[in-house]
Protein backbone atom coordinates (compact mmCIF):
# COMPACT_ATOMS: atom_id res chain seq x y z
CA UNK A 1 -78.52 52.93 -68.68
CA UNK A 2 -77.51 49.80 -66.72
CA UNK A 3 -74.96 50.18 -63.92
CA UNK A 4 -71.52 48.56 -64.48
CA UNK A 5 -71.31 45.27 -62.54
CA UNK A 6 -68.33 46.34 -60.45
CA UNK A 7 -70.32 49.42 -59.37
CA UNK A 8 -73.18 47.18 -58.21
CA UNK A 9 -70.75 45.14 -56.11
CA UNK A 10 -69.35 48.33 -54.58
CA UNK A 11 -72.82 49.70 -53.79
CA UNK A 12 -73.97 46.44 -52.20
CA UNK A 13 -70.85 46.21 -50.01
CA UNK A 14 -71.17 49.87 -49.00
CA UNK A 15 -74.78 49.27 -47.99
CA UNK A 16 -73.70 46.27 -45.90
CA UNK A 17 -71.00 48.37 -44.21
CA UNK A 18 -73.28 51.34 -43.53
CA UNK A 19 -76.12 49.21 -42.13
CA UNK A 20 -73.74 47.32 -39.84
CA UNK A 21 -74.19 44.04 -41.64
CA UNK A 22 -70.43 44.24 -42.15
CA UNK A 23 -69.10 45.93 -38.98
CA UNK A 24 -65.61 47.36 -38.44
CA UNK A 25 -62.84 44.81 -39.06
CA UNK A 26 -65.33 42.29 -40.46
CA UNK A 27 -63.97 40.22 -43.35
CA UNK A 28 -65.49 40.84 -46.77
CA UNK A 29 -66.22 38.09 -49.30
CA UNK A 30 -63.17 37.10 -51.32
CA UNK A 31 -62.68 37.95 -54.99
CA UNK A 32 -63.63 34.37 -55.85
CA UNK A 33 -66.79 34.47 -53.71
CA UNK A 34 -67.87 37.81 -55.21
CA UNK A 35 -67.24 36.44 -58.72
CA UNK A 36 -69.54 33.48 -58.02
CA UNK A 37 -72.23 35.56 -56.27
CA UNK A 38 -72.47 38.15 -59.04
CA UNK A 39 -71.53 35.84 -61.93
CA UNK A 40 -68.66 38.09 -62.99
CA UNK A 41 -64.97 37.64 -63.71
CA UNK A 42 -62.30 37.80 -61.00
CA UNK A 43 -61.06 40.99 -62.67
CA UNK A 44 -64.43 42.66 -62.04
CA UNK A 45 -64.63 41.62 -58.38
CA UNK A 46 -61.01 42.66 -57.84
CA UNK A 47 -61.74 46.09 -59.34
CA UNK A 48 -64.61 46.58 -56.87
CA UNK A 49 -62.44 45.72 -53.86
CA UNK A 50 -59.55 47.82 -55.13
CA UNK A 51 -61.80 50.88 -55.50
CA UNK A 52 -63.15 50.43 -51.95
CA UNK A 53 -59.56 50.18 -50.73
CA UNK A 54 -58.60 53.34 -52.64
CA UNK A 55 -61.50 55.14 -50.95
CA UNK A 56 -60.13 54.10 -47.56
CA UNK A 57 -63.23 52.06 -46.71
CA UNK A 58 -61.55 48.65 -46.48
CA UNK A 59 -58.04 47.34 -45.84
CA UNK A 60 -56.47 44.23 -47.25
CA UNK A 61 -54.06 41.79 -45.62
CA UNK A 62 -52.02 39.76 -48.06
CA UNK A 63 -52.91 36.09 -47.93
CA UNK A 64 -55.86 36.65 -45.58
CA UNK A 65 -58.43 38.87 -47.30
CA UNK A 66 -60.22 42.22 -47.15
CA UNK A 67 -61.62 43.82 -43.99
CA UNK A 68 -63.86 46.78 -43.13
CA UNK A 69 -61.83 49.83 -42.17
CA UNK A 70 -62.55 51.72 -38.98
CA UNK A 71 -65.78 53.57 -39.66
CA UNK A 72 -65.55 56.77 -41.64
CA UNK A 73 -68.55 58.66 -43.00
CA UNK A 74 -69.07 57.77 -46.64
CA UNK A 75 -67.95 60.62 -48.82
CA UNK A 76 -70.60 62.20 -50.97
CA UNK A 77 -69.90 61.77 -54.64
CA UNK A 78 -68.40 64.97 -56.01
CA UNK A 79 -70.48 66.38 -58.85
CA UNK A 80 -68.18 67.17 -61.76
CA UNK A 81 -68.50 68.98 -65.07
CA UNK A 82 -66.04 68.48 -67.92
CA UNK A 83 -65.23 71.69 -69.83
CA UNK A 84 -63.41 71.11 -73.13
CA UNK A 85 -61.97 73.86 -75.31
CA UNK A 86 -59.74 73.42 -78.39
CA UNK A 87 -56.56 74.75 -76.80
CA UNK A 88 -56.44 75.59 -73.09
CA UNK A 89 -53.96 78.45 -73.61
CA UNK A 90 -55.42 79.82 -76.85
CA UNK A 91 -55.42 83.62 -76.48
CA UNK A 92 -58.07 83.98 -79.19
CA UNK A 93 -60.60 82.28 -76.89
CA UNK A 94 -62.15 84.36 -74.17
CA UNK A 95 -62.32 83.57 -70.49
CA UNK A 96 -65.56 81.59 -70.37
CA UNK A 97 -64.57 80.33 -66.93
CA UNK A 98 -64.99 83.81 -65.44
CA UNK A 99 -68.74 83.39 -65.88
CA UNK A 100 -68.84 79.62 -65.42
CA UNK A 101 -66.94 79.35 -62.11
CA UNK A 102 -69.37 81.31 -59.88
CA UNK A 103 -72.33 79.27 -61.16
CA UNK A 104 -70.67 75.89 -60.65
CA UNK A 105 -69.29 76.93 -57.28
CA UNK A 106 -72.72 78.04 -56.08
CA UNK A 107 -74.19 74.66 -57.02
CA UNK A 108 -71.18 72.69 -55.69
CA UNK A 109 -69.90 71.35 -58.99
CA UNK A 110 -66.22 70.80 -59.66
CA UNK A 111 -65.09 71.87 -63.15
CA UNK A 112 -62.36 69.89 -64.91
CA UNK A 113 -61.00 71.95 -67.80
CA UNK A 114 -58.99 70.38 -70.58
CA UNK A 115 -58.32 70.59 -74.30
CA UNK A 116 -60.58 68.72 -76.70
CA UNK A 117 -57.82 66.11 -77.11
CA UNK A 118 -59.04 64.73 -73.78
CA UNK A 119 -61.58 62.79 -75.83
CA UNK A 120 -59.03 61.02 -78.02
CA UNK A 121 -58.53 58.05 -75.70
CA UNK A 122 -61.90 58.24 -73.95
CA UNK A 123 -65.02 56.24 -74.61
CA UNK A 124 -68.48 57.67 -73.98
CA UNK A 125 -68.80 55.27 -71.04
CA UNK A 126 -65.71 56.80 -69.42
CA UNK A 127 -67.19 60.31 -69.65
CA UNK A 128 -70.54 59.15 -68.25
CA UNK A 129 -68.85 57.38 -65.34
CA UNK A 130 -66.60 60.27 -64.34
CA UNK A 131 -68.76 63.34 -65.01
CA UNK A 132 -72.32 64.59 -64.59
CA UNK A 133 -72.28 66.78 -67.72
CA UNK A 134 -70.03 68.46 -70.25
CA UNK A 135 -69.53 71.86 -71.90
CA UNK A 136 -67.85 71.46 -75.28
CA UNK A 137 -66.39 74.28 -77.38
CA UNK A 138 -66.89 73.10 -80.97
CA UNK A 139 -63.72 74.09 -82.84
CA UNK A 140 -64.81 71.94 -85.78
CA UNK A 141 -68.29 70.45 -85.92
CA UNK A 142 -66.89 67.15 -87.23
CA UNK A 143 -64.45 66.54 -84.35
CA UNK A 144 -65.27 63.62 -82.02
CA UNK A 145 -68.68 63.27 -83.67
CA UNK A 146 -68.80 59.55 -82.85
CA UNK A 147 -68.23 60.09 -79.13
CA UNK A 148 -70.67 63.00 -78.97
CA UNK A 149 -73.29 60.96 -80.81
CA UNK A 150 -72.91 58.04 -78.40
CA UNK A 151 -73.24 60.43 -75.46
CA UNK A 152 -76.46 61.77 -76.98
CA UNK A 153 -77.85 58.23 -77.27
CA UNK A 154 -77.18 57.79 -73.56
CA UNK A 155 -78.91 61.15 -72.92
CA UNK A 156 -75.79 62.56 -71.28
CA UNK A 157 -76.09 66.35 -70.76
CA UNK A 158 -73.82 68.36 -73.08
CA UNK A 159 -73.91 72.07 -73.91
CA UNK A 160 -72.12 73.10 -77.12
CA UNK A 161 -70.33 76.46 -77.26
CA UNK A 162 -69.78 78.65 -80.33
CA UNK A 163 -71.26 76.47 -83.08
CA UNK A 164 -74.41 74.46 -83.70
CA UNK A 165 -73.79 70.77 -84.46
CA UNK A 166 -76.90 70.12 -86.52
CA UNK A 167 -76.51 66.34 -86.50
CA UNK A 168 -76.83 66.17 -82.71
CA UNK A 169 -79.70 67.11 -80.37
CA UNK A 170 -77.50 69.22 -78.13
CA UNK A 171 -78.36 72.85 -77.27
CA UNK A 172 -75.88 75.55 -78.26
CA UNK A 173 -74.74 78.79 -76.64
CA UNK A 174 -73.22 81.08 -79.25
CA UNK A 175 -72.60 84.74 -79.91
CA UNK A 176 -74.86 86.63 -82.29
CA UNK A 177 -72.17 86.59 -84.98
CA UNK A 178 -74.53 87.73 -87.73
CA UNK A 179 -75.40 90.92 -85.84
CA UNK A 180 -71.71 91.43 -85.08
CA UNK A 181 -70.74 91.37 -88.75
CA UNK A 182 -73.55 93.78 -89.58
CA UNK A 183 -72.65 96.03 -86.62
CA UNK A 184 -69.03 96.40 -87.74
CA UNK A 185 -70.04 97.15 -91.34
CA UNK A 186 -72.72 99.65 -90.38
CA UNK A 187 -70.25 101.48 -88.14
CA UNK A 188 -67.72 101.86 -90.97
CA UNK A 189 -70.50 103.02 -93.31
CA UNK A 190 -71.58 105.60 -90.71
CA UNK A 191 -68.00 106.93 -90.75
CA UNK A 192 -68.39 107.53 -94.49
CA UNK A 193 -66.64 104.45 -95.87
CA UNK A 194 -68.18 103.29 -99.14
CA UNK A 195 -65.75 100.55 -100.11
CA UNK A 196 -65.60 98.13 -97.21
CA UNK A 197 -63.95 94.72 -97.55
CA UNK A 198 -64.32 91.59 -95.46
CA UNK A 199 -60.96 89.94 -94.68
CA UNK A 200 -60.91 86.18 -94.19
CA UNK A 201 -58.23 84.31 -92.24
CA UNK A 202 -58.40 80.51 -92.21
CA UNK A 203 -58.73 78.57 -95.50
CA UNK A 204 -61.92 76.99 -94.13
CA UNK A 205 -65.07 78.90 -93.31
CA UNK A 206 -66.21 77.99 -89.78
CA UNK A 207 -69.87 78.43 -88.90
CA UNK A 208 -69.24 81.47 -86.68
CA UNK A 209 -67.14 83.19 -89.34
CA UNK A 210 -69.75 82.40 -91.98
CA UNK A 211 -72.37 84.14 -89.86
CA UNK A 212 -70.14 87.22 -89.47
CA UNK A 213 -69.61 87.33 -93.21
CA UNK A 214 -73.35 87.05 -93.91
CA UNK A 215 -73.97 89.90 -91.46
CA UNK A 216 -71.41 91.95 -93.40
CA UNK A 217 -73.15 91.17 -96.70
CA UNK A 218 -76.54 92.08 -95.21
CA UNK A 219 -75.22 95.46 -94.05
CA UNK A 220 -73.57 96.28 -97.40
CA UNK A 221 -76.96 95.75 -99.06
CA UNK A 222 -78.81 97.77 -96.43
CA UNK A 223 -76.31 100.60 -96.81
CA UNK A 224 -76.50 100.38 -100.63
CA UNK A 225 -72.72 100.07 -100.89
CA UNK A 226 -71.39 99.48 -104.38
CA UNK A 227 -68.68 97.04 -103.26
CA UNK A 228 -68.54 93.88 -101.19
CA UNK A 229 -66.04 91.05 -100.82
CA UNK A 230 -67.25 87.92 -102.59
CA UNK A 231 -66.46 84.43 -101.32
CA UNK A 232 -64.42 83.88 -104.48
CA UNK A 233 -62.13 86.73 -103.35
CA UNK A 234 -61.16 84.64 -100.33
CA UNK A 235 -58.48 82.83 -102.32
CA UNK A 236 -56.63 86.11 -102.81
CA UNK A 237 -55.99 86.63 -99.10
CA UNK A 238 -52.51 85.22 -98.76
CA UNK A 239 -49.97 87.41 -96.99
CA UNK A 240 -48.61 88.60 -100.33
CA UNK A 241 -51.93 89.40 -101.99
CA UNK A 242 -54.14 91.04 -99.38
CA UNK A 243 -52.49 94.47 -99.67
CA UNK A 244 -52.72 94.28 -103.46
CA UNK A 245 -56.40 93.37 -103.11
CA UNK A 246 -57.05 96.43 -100.94
CA UNK A 247 -55.26 98.75 -103.34
CA UNK A 248 -56.84 97.34 -106.49
CA UNK A 249 -60.32 97.72 -105.03
CA UNK A 250 -59.65 101.13 -103.41
CA UNK A 251 -60.69 99.81 -100.00
CA UNK A 252 -60.81 102.34 -97.12
CA UNK A 253 -62.39 100.14 -94.44
CA UNK A 254 -62.18 96.46 -93.54
CA UNK A 255 -64.09 94.05 -91.32
CA UNK A 256 -61.84 91.16 -90.28
CA UNK A 257 -63.09 87.72 -89.31
CA UNK A 258 -61.31 88.01 -85.94
CA UNK A 259 -58.81 90.14 -84.05
CA UNK A 260 -55.81 87.97 -84.96
CA UNK A 261 -56.54 88.49 -88.65
CA UNK A 262 -57.03 92.22 -88.02
CA UNK A 263 -53.71 92.57 -86.16
CA UNK A 264 -51.88 90.65 -88.89
CA UNK A 265 -53.43 92.92 -91.54
CA UNK A 266 -52.46 96.06 -89.61
CA UNK A 267 -48.85 94.89 -89.42
CA UNK A 268 -48.83 94.18 -93.17
CA UNK A 269 -50.36 97.58 -93.88
CA UNK A 270 -47.68 99.33 -91.83
CA UNK A 271 -44.94 97.55 -93.79
CA UNK A 272 -46.66 98.69 -96.99
CA UNK A 273 -46.71 102.31 -95.70
CA UNK A 274 -50.50 102.36 -95.39
CA UNK A 275 -51.45 104.55 -92.45
CA UNK A 276 -54.07 103.26 -90.02
CA UNK A 277 -56.63 104.74 -89.60
CA UNK A 278 -56.05 107.66 -91.98
CA UNK A 279 -55.86 105.50 -95.10
CA UNK A 280 -57.43 102.30 -93.82
CA UNK A 281 -59.91 101.75 -90.99
CA UNK A 282 -59.82 98.27 -89.42
CA UNK A 283 -62.43 96.46 -87.31
CA UNK A 284 -61.76 93.10 -85.65
CA UNK A 285 -63.88 90.59 -83.81
CA UNK A 286 -63.47 88.96 -80.36
CA UNK A 287 -61.78 91.70 -78.27
CA UNK A 288 -58.80 89.57 -77.31
CA UNK A 289 -56.27 91.15 -74.93
CA UNK A 290 -53.86 92.08 -77.73
CA UNK A 291 -56.52 94.21 -79.44
CA UNK A 292 -56.12 96.95 -76.83
CA UNK A 293 -52.30 96.75 -76.79
CA UNK A 294 -51.51 97.10 -80.50
CA UNK A 295 -50.75 100.59 -81.86
CA UNK A 296 -53.18 101.93 -82.90
CA UNK A 297 -55.54 100.04 -80.61
CA UNK A 298 -58.09 97.95 -82.47
CA UNK A 299 -61.77 98.74 -82.83
CA UNK A 300 -63.51 95.40 -82.42
CA UNK A 301 -66.74 93.52 -81.81
CA UNK A 302 -66.64 91.97 -78.34
CA UNK A 303 -68.17 88.63 -77.55
CA UNK A 304 -69.54 88.27 -74.03
CA UNK A 305 -67.45 85.25 -73.09
CA UNK A 306 -68.24 85.70 -69.40
CA UNK A 307 -71.96 85.77 -70.15
CA UNK A 308 -71.66 82.73 -72.39
CA UNK A 309 -69.84 80.78 -69.67
CA UNK A 310 -72.45 81.73 -67.08
CA UNK A 311 -75.33 80.82 -69.38
CA UNK A 312 -73.78 77.49 -70.42
CA UNK A 313 -73.17 76.55 -66.79
CA UNK A 314 -76.70 77.51 -65.74
CA UNK A 315 -78.26 75.56 -68.61
CA UNK A 316 -76.15 72.47 -67.95
CA UNK A 317 -76.83 72.34 -64.21
CA UNK A 318 -80.58 72.80 -64.75
CA UNK A 319 -80.46 69.96 -67.28
CA UNK A 320 -78.56 67.70 -64.86
CA UNK A 321 -80.78 68.46 -61.87
CA UNK A 322 -84.20 69.02 -63.47
CA UNK A 323 -83.83 66.61 -66.41
CA UNK A 324 -85.19 69.21 -68.86
CA UNK A 325 -83.20 69.73 -72.07
CA UNK A 326 -82.63 73.47 -72.65
CA UNK A 327 -82.96 75.24 -76.00
CA UNK A 328 -80.39 77.08 -78.14
CA UNK A 329 -79.38 80.52 -76.89
CA UNK A 330 -77.68 83.48 -78.58
CA UNK A 331 -75.66 86.02 -76.60
CA UNK A 332 -75.48 89.64 -77.76
CA UNK A 333 -72.22 91.22 -78.89
CA UNK A 334 -71.11 94.83 -78.48
CA UNK A 335 -68.87 97.24 -80.32
CA UNK A 336 -65.71 98.62 -78.72
CA UNK A 337 -64.44 101.72 -80.51
CA UNK A 338 -60.72 102.37 -80.32
CA UNK A 339 -58.18 104.08 -82.59
CA UNK A 340 -58.00 101.84 -85.68
CA UNK A 341 -61.06 103.49 -87.27
CA UNK A 342 -61.69 107.04 -88.48
CA UNK A 343 -64.10 109.07 -90.60
CA UNK A 344 -63.18 109.31 -94.26
């Protein structure tokens, strides 16, 4: 990838300053002279001088020109990683940074965390100029596909979290959602539940949720259960109909697509005088903070967000420094048993 012209001007002037070709208080070429030397516009040459001034390496006297500032050691470029998640304060997302921060700190990388909307007014060139790599939580695999594709053309290092974007060559770090769905279902079956439903939340079916559902289906077949929730049942899961669905199908245990769906269902069940866990056992997914605070506390499948953050950071830094593209990785999940489940 060719260097922007203003960057070349900056680098050449810095070399001249550091080698003593331009000593302290020496006058630099004017904007016009730089424009002619490098065959660029005055805007480009002005940008180069302005950036050197902002770095404290030169000073400018109006009407006279630009001069070399009293010598200061040239600052090493700070290595930076951009970490984008859908919503910075989203409680349903775990603390990836708990695992990421120690890795980036050890290797002297600064992490800039923002929501995915950061990309709305950014071009791929802006990301490449300001950052060494990026970790991107894929809320929807279609979001910012154009920018991500352009970054891939430029071979810019990006690690995708949570979902695989099959149209791009980027490696993914994601939880073993399939095993999680199967784990939750097998646990309820071991408690004696024969009619176990899968409760969907969002109208769409994200990749991670789809994997959890397929794990649930796999376990219902392995356990030879006579009932399972079909995808066509998904339309029935409005707030008004989910309780009716449970009653009509004589459901005693449910696997929910995430903890927020599970907590919402538990609140609806309480209003309908359904006792949890005596009449209905509930398993969530994600182990968000609220899952341990609700009454009864929620049995859930925990994603290792800390481990995912650490792994993503390690993979990205190795890619940046060793120029070797890593492969997809799955991180194991674990079951946390609380009070929302009970033997039948």
